[in-house]
Amino acid sequence: MPRDLHPRLLRSFAAVAESLHFGRAAERLHLAQQAVSRDVQALERQLGCVLLHRSTRSVELTEAGAALLPKARQLLELQAEITALGDTRALLVDVNSPGGEREFTAERVLAAARRRCPEAELLARYHGGLTAAARELAAHRLDASFGRYAGLPAADRARLVHAPVRLVPMAVFLPLGHPLAALPAVPLAALAGHPVDVFAGQPATAEWTDLGGRLLAEHGLAAAPGRTPPVGPAEFARYLARHGSPVLTTVEAHDIPGGVARPLVDPVPLSLLGLVHRAGSRHPGLAALRACAAELAAAEGWLRRPPGSWLPAEDAALLPG
């Protein structure tokens, strides 16, 4: 048995063992596939056993690999706890996009956490999608994010911790001249014949596209073609004017020049916003984020589900009992 075992080797093994794919593990770790393969081979040499059965089409855990995986996870979590002791670095928190004059839910939680833990530095980041943020979390370039956890791949969910924060009603952006723009609220049935843009061309927000696709499919509605998504309010306004499709959003969305946001009703579709971070983190700023999210949710009823609302079963299962 080797005296010293580098955590990098365990991290590469765990990534492959959880995804059963060297390419996906490499993407998750932001490493070259060859580097991940070398790490796993080095670990097998040090331990003197085969951990993975490899073929051109599949990767499978051996009996030794299956036994090692939970222990590797424990060691990696312990390493994260040790490195976090006395951690004075800034905590990087993805809040998706700045709210401007009005604070979004994530910004409110962040502001409360800063007041609660003034000795910690909490810095906002704007990745604009939990799918993209999950990659940054895995690479330790981000510490926490907000978004729809249920829409992430199973391998990503397995290594992240989730706390539900708020059920946010969904809405649609409409160009001012759209026939539905005059309505104070848009019944889902009224979207028949109006394909809805769920940003199918945006891989950074795949969890949102999944939610929109489920909503439309369950109510017999059509999705607009996938297009290259805009970045920023000005580009969004041009995008909306050019394509004219209703764009799925939430009631927290920014105001867009030349467009209006209208809440969806009959039923009210909901998006479950959650706080997501790596397992094992002990940063005091993260503890403040979690505490403030829970307190605001309890005080303002953020997780109370309205009667007759729509929410996918996967998301509903994440709500507190």
Protein backbone atom coordinates (compact mmCIF):
# COMPACT_ATOMS: atom_id res chain seq x y z
CA MET A 1 0.00 0.00 0.00
CA PRO A 2 1.49 3.40 -0.94
CA ARG A 3 2.32 5.79 1.85
CA ASP A 4 1.09 8.85 -0.06
CA LEU A 5 -1.93 9.01 -2.34
CA HIS A 6 -2.50 12.27 -4.19
CA PRO A 7 -6.12 13.52 -3.95
CA ARG A 8 -6.00 14.38 -7.68
CA LEU A 9 -5.89 10.66 -8.51
CA LEU A 10 -8.95 10.00 -6.35
CA ARG A 11 -10.75 12.99 -7.87
CA SER A 12 -10.19 11.70 -11.41
CA PHE A 13 -11.26 8.18 -10.42
CA ALA A 14 -14.43 9.45 -8.71
CA ALA A 15 -15.37 11.57 -11.73
CA VAL A 16 -15.03 8.58 -14.09
CA ALA A 17 -16.75 6.23 -11.65
CA GLU A 18 -19.74 8.57 -11.30
CA SER A 19 -20.15 9.33 -15.01
CA LEU A 20 -18.84 5.97 -16.37
CA HIS A 21 -17.30 7.96 -19.20
CA PHE A 22 -13.74 9.32 -19.47
CA GLY A 23 -14.76 12.16 -21.79
CA ARG A 24 -17.53 13.45 -19.53
CA ALA A 25 -15.28 13.09 -16.48
CA ALA A 26 -12.62 15.18 -18.23
CA GLU A 27 -15.17 17.89 -19.08
CA ARG A 28 -16.37 17.93 -15.49
CA LEU A 29 -12.82 18.36 -14.16
CA HIS A 30 -11.74 20.71 -16.96
CA LEU A 31 -8.84 18.39 -17.81
CA ALA A 32 -7.70 16.63 -20.95
CA GLN A 33 -9.13 13.12 -21.29
CA GLN A 34 -5.61 11.71 -21.47
CA ALA A 35 -4.76 13.32 -18.11
CA VAL A 36 -7.78 11.71 -16.45
CA SER A 37 -6.88 8.35 -17.94
CA ARG A 38 -3.28 8.67 -16.68
CA ASP A 39 -4.53 9.53 -13.19
CA VAL A 40 -6.76 6.45 -13.04
CA GLN A 41 -3.96 4.21 -14.32
CA ALA A 42 -1.57 5.68 -11.75
CA LEU A 43 -4.10 5.03 -8.98
CA GLU A 44 -4.56 1.43 -10.14
CA ARG A 45 -0.77 0.92 -10.13
CA GLN A 46 -0.44 2.36 -6.62
CA LEU A 47 -3.29 0.26 -5.25
CA GLY A 48 -2.28 -2.85 -7.19
CA CYS A 49 -5.76 -3.59 -8.52
CA VAL A 50 -8.03 -2.86 -11.48
CA LEU A 51 -10.72 -0.29 -10.63
CA LEU A 52 -12.46 0.06 -14.00
CA HIS A 53 -13.27 -2.30 -16.85
CA ARG A 54 -12.78 -0.35 -20.08
CA SER A 55 -13.96 -1.13 -23.58
CA THR A 56 -14.42 0.96 -26.71
CA ARG A 57 -18.10 1.41 -25.82
CA SER A 58 -18.38 1.36 -22.05
CA VAL A 59 -16.74 1.85 -18.67
CA GLU A 60 -17.76 -0.28 -15.69
CA LEU A 61 -16.66 -0.40 -12.07
CA THR A 62 -14.90 -3.52 -10.90
CA GLU A 63 -15.66 -4.92 -7.46
CA ALA A 64 -12.59 -3.09 -6.14
CA GLY A 65 -13.68 0.14 -7.85
CA ALA A 66 -17.18 -0.07 -6.37
CA ALA A 67 -15.66 -0.57 -2.91
CA LEU A 68 -13.28 2.35 -3.34
CA LEU A 69 -15.78 4.93 -4.65
CA PRO A 70 -17.59 5.77 -1.34
CA LYS A 71 -14.24 5.91 0.49
CA ALA A 72 -12.79 8.19 -2.20
CA ARG A 73 -15.77 10.51 -1.82
CA GLN A 74 -15.27 10.61 1.96
CA LEU A 75 -11.57 11.43 1.59
CA LEU A 76 -12.25 14.18 -0.97
CA GLU A 77 -14.92 15.71 1.28
CA LEU A 78 -12.52 15.55 4.24
CA GLN A 79 -9.84 17.26 2.17
CA ALA A 80 -12.32 20.03 1.31
CA GLU A 81 -13.14 20.46 5.00
CA ILE A 82 -9.46 20.64 5.96
CA THR A 83 -8.58 23.18 3.28
CA ALA A 84 -11.56 25.28 4.37
CA LEU A 85 -10.28 25.61 7.95
CA GLY A 86 -9.48 29.24 8.56
CA ASP A 87 -10.60 29.99 5.01
CA THR A 88 -10.45 33.74 4.47
CA ARG A 89 -10.66 33.73 0.69
CA ALA A 90 -13.63 35.35 -1.02
CA LEU A 91 -16.70 33.16 -1.53
CA LEU A 92 -17.76 33.34 -5.20
CA VAL A 93 -21.56 33.24 -5.56
CA ASP A 94 -23.35 33.03 -8.91
CA VAL A 95 -26.60 35.02 -8.85
CA ASN A 96 -27.25 34.59 -12.61
CA SER A 97 -27.71 38.27 -13.51
CA PRO A 98 -27.81 41.61 -11.70
CA GLY A 99 -31.28 42.76 -10.77
CA GLY A 100 -30.60 46.47 -11.19
CA GLU A 101 -33.02 48.68 -9.26
CA ARG A 102 -34.86 45.69 -7.80
CA GLU A 103 -33.15 42.78 -6.10
CA PHE A 104 -33.78 39.27 -7.38
CA THR A 105 -34.23 36.43 -4.89
CA ALA A 106 -30.57 35.38 -5.16
CA GLU A 107 -29.41 38.95 -4.59
CA ARG A 108 -31.64 39.28 -1.53
CA VAL A 109 -30.15 36.11 -0.04
CA LEU A 110 -26.64 37.32 -0.83
CA ALA A 111 -27.28 40.74 0.73
CA ALA A 112 -28.67 39.12 3.89
CA ALA A 113 -25.68 36.79 4.12
CA ARG A 114 -23.28 39.74 3.84
CA ARG A 115 -25.05 41.43 6.76
CA ARG A 116 -25.05 38.21 8.77
CA CYS A 117 -21.35 37.44 8.21
CA PRO A 118 -19.58 40.77 7.63
CA GLU A 119 -16.15 39.25 8.29
CA ALA A 120 -16.45 37.08 5.16
CA GLU A 121 -16.09 38.44 1.64
CA LEU A 122 -18.89 37.28 -0.64
CA LEU A 123 -18.47 38.20 -4.31
CA ALA A 124 -21.27 37.98 -6.87
CA ARG A 125 -20.72 36.32 -10.23
CA TYR A 126 -23.07 36.21 -13.23
CA HIS A 127 -22.90 32.92 -15.12
CA GLY A 128 -26.53 33.01 -16.24
CA GLY A 129 -27.37 29.32 -16.00
CA LEU A 130 -26.96 26.53 -13.47
CA THR A 131 -25.69 24.09 -16.11
CA ALA A 132 -22.77 26.41 -16.81
CA ALA A 133 -22.31 27.18 -13.11
CA ALA A 134 -22.16 23.44 -12.27
CA ARG A 135 -19.04 23.12 -14.40
CA GLU A 136 -17.47 26.05 -12.56
CA LEU A 137 -18.41 24.52 -9.20
CA ALA A 138 -16.76 21.23 -10.18
CA ALA A 139 -13.59 23.06 -11.17
CA HIS A 140 -13.54 25.03 -7.88
CA ARG A 141 -13.83 28.30 -9.79
CA LEU A 142 -17.18 29.00 -8.11
CA ASP A 143 -18.49 28.22 -4.63
CA ALA A 144 -22.28 28.51 -4.84
CA SER A 145 -25.00 29.17 -7.38
CA PHE A 146 -28.75 29.52 -7.67
CA GLY A 147 -30.95 27.68 -10.17
CA ARG A 148 -33.01 24.62 -11.02
CA TYR A 149 -31.16 21.67 -9.51
CA ALA A 150 -33.60 19.01 -10.80
CA GLY A 151 -32.65 19.90 -14.38
CA LEU A 152 -28.96 19.01 -13.95
CA PRO A 153 -27.54 15.66 -15.12
CA ALA A 154 -27.54 12.97 -12.44
CA ALA A 155 -23.73 12.94 -12.27
CA ASP A 156 -23.69 16.66 -11.47
CA ARG A 157 -26.43 16.34 -8.85
CA ALA A 158 -24.55 13.51 -7.14
CA ARG A 159 -21.63 15.75 -6.22
CA LEU A 160 -23.60 18.87 -5.32
CA VAL A 161 -25.68 19.86 -2.30
CA HIS A 162 -29.07 21.51 -2.87
CA ALA A 163 -31.30 23.60 -0.63
CA PRO A 164 -34.69 24.72 -2.02
CA VAL A 165 -35.16 28.48 -1.76
CA ARG A 166 -38.19 29.73 -3.67
CA LEU A 167 -41.02 28.68 -5.96
CA VAL A 168 -41.02 31.39 -8.64
CA PRO A 169 -44.06 31.76 -10.95
CA MET A 170 -43.26 31.64 -14.64
CA ALA A 171 -44.10 34.25 -17.26
CA VAL A 172 -43.57 35.06 -20.94
CA PHE A 173 -41.86 38.00 -22.60
CA LEU A 174 -43.92 39.36 -25.49
CA PRO A 175 -43.17 42.05 -28.09
CA LEU A 176 -45.44 45.06 -27.54
CA GLY A 177 -47.32 44.35 -30.77
CA HIS A 178 -48.01 40.70 -29.97
CA PRO A 179 -51.74 39.81 -29.77
CA LEU A 180 -51.30 38.43 -26.22
CA ALA A 181 -49.42 41.48 -24.92
CA ALA A 182 -52.65 43.31 -24.05
CA LEU A 183 -53.65 40.62 -21.53
CA PRO A 184 -52.77 41.23 -17.86
CA ALA A 185 -51.95 37.51 -17.56
CA VAL A 186 -51.64 34.83 -20.24
CA PRO A 187 -53.54 31.54 -19.84
CA LEU A 188 -51.38 28.63 -20.98
CA ALA A 189 -54.08 27.59 -23.47
CA ALA A 190 -53.80 31.01 -25.15
CA LEU A 191 -50.26 30.11 -26.26
CA ALA A 192 -51.65 27.54 -28.72
CA GLY A 193 -50.47 28.62 -32.15
CA HIS A 194 -47.69 30.76 -30.64
CA PRO A 195 -44.49 28.63 -30.38
CA VAL A 196 -42.65 29.51 -27.18
CA ASP A 197 -38.92 30.18 -27.05
CA VAL A 198 -37.30 28.16 -24.23
CA PHE A 199 -33.71 29.06 -25.23
CA ALA A 200 -33.09 25.65 -26.78
CA GLY A 201 -29.95 27.12 -28.38
CA GLN A 202 -28.35 27.95 -25.02
CA PRO A 203 -26.35 25.03 -23.53
CA ALA A 204 -25.48 27.08 -20.42
CA THR A 205 -29.14 27.00 -19.34
CA ALA A 206 -30.06 23.44 -20.31
CA GLU A 207 -31.88 23.01 -16.99
CA TRP A 208 -34.24 25.87 -17.99
CA THR A 209 -34.81 24.48 -21.49
CA ASP A 210 -35.71 21.14 -19.89
CA LEU A 211 -38.25 22.83 -17.61
CA GLY A 212 -39.80 24.77 -20.49
CA GLY A 213 -39.95 21.69 -22.68
CA ARG A 214 -41.78 19.75 -19.98
CA LEU A 215 -44.28 22.57 -19.47
CA LEU A 216 -45.07 22.88 -23.17
CA ALA A 217 -45.27 19.14 -23.78
CA GLU A 218 -47.66 18.54 -20.87
CA HIS A 219 -50.00 21.29 -22.12
CA GLY A 220 -49.88 20.46 -25.83
CA LEU A 221 -47.94 23.58 -26.78
CA ALA A 222 -45.15 24.04 -29.32
CA ALA A 223 -41.59 25.18 -28.77
CA ALA A 224 -39.93 27.73 -31.04
CA PRO A 225 -36.80 26.63 -32.95
CA GLY A 226 -33.51 26.73 -31.09
CA ARG A 227 -31.63 29.94 -31.82
CA THR A 228 -28.41 31.57 -30.72
CA PRO A 229 -29.43 33.35 -27.49
CA PRO A 230 -28.89 37.06 -26.83
CA VAL A 231 -26.70 38.47 -24.05
CA GLY A 232 -27.79 41.61 -22.20
CA PRO A 233 -31.03 43.65 -22.22
CA ALA A 234 -30.29 45.58 -25.43
CA GLU A 235 -29.52 42.42 -27.41
CA PHE A 236 -32.54 40.72 -25.86
CA ALA A 237 -34.77 43.57 -27.08
CA ARG A 238 -33.44 43.14 -30.63
CA TYR A 239 -33.88 39.37 -30.40
CA LEU A 240 -37.47 39.74 -29.23
CA ALA A 241 -38.31 42.22 -31.99
CA ARG A 242 -36.67 40.11 -34.70
CA HIS A 243 -38.20 36.74 -33.88
CA GLY A 244 -41.49 37.77 -32.25
CA SER A 245 -41.93 34.52 -30.30
CA PRO A 246 -43.09 34.52 -26.67
CA VAL A 247 -40.01 33.85 -24.52
CA LEU A 248 -40.40 31.80 -21.36
CA THR A 249 -39.13 33.56 -18.24
CA THR A 250 -40.18 34.15 -14.62
CA VAL A 251 -41.99 36.99 -12.89
CA GLU A 252 -38.57 38.14 -11.60
CA ALA A 253 -37.34 38.90 -15.12
CA HIS A 254 -35.79 42.21 -16.17
CA ASP A 255 -37.89 44.77 -18.02
CA ILE A 256 -37.00 44.73 -21.71
CA PRO A 257 -37.44 47.78 -24.02
CA GLY A 258 -40.09 47.06 -26.62
CA GLY A 259 -41.48 44.10 -24.69
CA VAL A 260 -43.63 43.20 -21.71
CA ALA A 261 -43.56 40.29 -19.28
CA ARG A 262 -46.91 38.68 -18.55
CA PRO A 263 -47.46 36.01 -15.85
CA LEU A 264 -48.74 32.62 -16.96
CA VAL A 265 -51.94 31.27 -15.43
CA ASP A 266 -54.46 28.41 -15.62
CA PRO A 267 -52.43 26.75 -14.13
CA VAL A 268 -49.62 28.87 -12.71
CA PRO A 269 -46.36 27.12 -13.70
CA LEU A 270 -43.59 27.28 -11.12
CA SER A 271 -39.81 27.10 -11.22
CA LEU A 272 -38.02 25.86 -8.08
CA LEU A 273 -35.02 28.08 -7.41
CA GLY A 274 -32.43 26.38 -5.23
CA LEU A 275 -29.08 27.16 -3.62
CA VAL A 276 -26.44 24.74 -4.93
CA HIS A 277 -22.86 24.17 -3.79
CA ARG A 278 -20.18 21.49 -3.54
CA ALA A 279 -20.40 18.93 -0.78
CA GLY A 280 -18.06 19.36 2.16
CA SER A 281 -17.55 23.13 1.98
CA ARG A 282 -17.16 24.76 5.40
CA HIS A 283 -16.70 28.38 4.36
CA PRO A 284 -18.44 30.67 6.90
CA GLY A 285 -19.97 32.69 4.07
CA LEU A 286 -21.66 29.58 2.70
CA ALA A 287 -23.14 28.79 6.11
CA ALA A 288 -24.52 32.35 6.17
CA LEU A 289 -25.99 31.93 2.67
CA ARG A 290 -27.78 28.72 3.65
CA ALA A 291 -29.11 30.18 6.90
CA CYS A 292 -30.37 33.39 5.27
CA ALA A 293 -32.02 31.49 2.41
CA ALA A 294 -33.88 29.29 4.90
CA GLU A 295 -34.93 32.25 7.07
CA LEU A 296 -36.20 34.35 4.15
CA ALA A 297 -38.05 31.37 2.69
CA ALA A 298 -39.77 30.71 6.03
CA ALA A 299 -40.57 34.37 6.74
CA GLU A 300 -41.99 35.14 3.30
CA GLY A 301 -43.54 31.78 2.41
CA TRP A 302 -41.28 31.29 -0.60
CA LEU A 303 -41.80 27.53 -0.64
CA ARG A 304 -45.56 27.49 -0.21
CA ARG A 305 -47.03 25.98 -3.35
CA PRO A 306 -50.22 27.67 -4.61
CA PRO A 307 -53.20 25.32 -5.11
CA GLY A 308 -53.56 24.07 -8.66
CA SER A 309 -50.08 25.19 -9.72
CA TRP A 310 -47.84 23.21 -12.09
CA LEU A 311 -44.44 21.85 -11.05
CA PRO A 312 -42.58 18.80 -12.42
CA ALA A 313 -42.58 15.80 -10.10
CA GLU A 314 -38.76 15.86 -9.92
CA ASP A 315 -38.85 19.40 -8.57
CA ALA A 316 -41.78 18.76 -6.22
CA ALA A 317 -39.82 15.89 -4.65
CA LEU A 318 -37.17 18.41 -3.54
CA LEU A 319 -39.59 20.50 -1.49
CA PRO A 320 -39.45 20.14 2.30
CA GLY A 321 -42.01 17.74 3.68
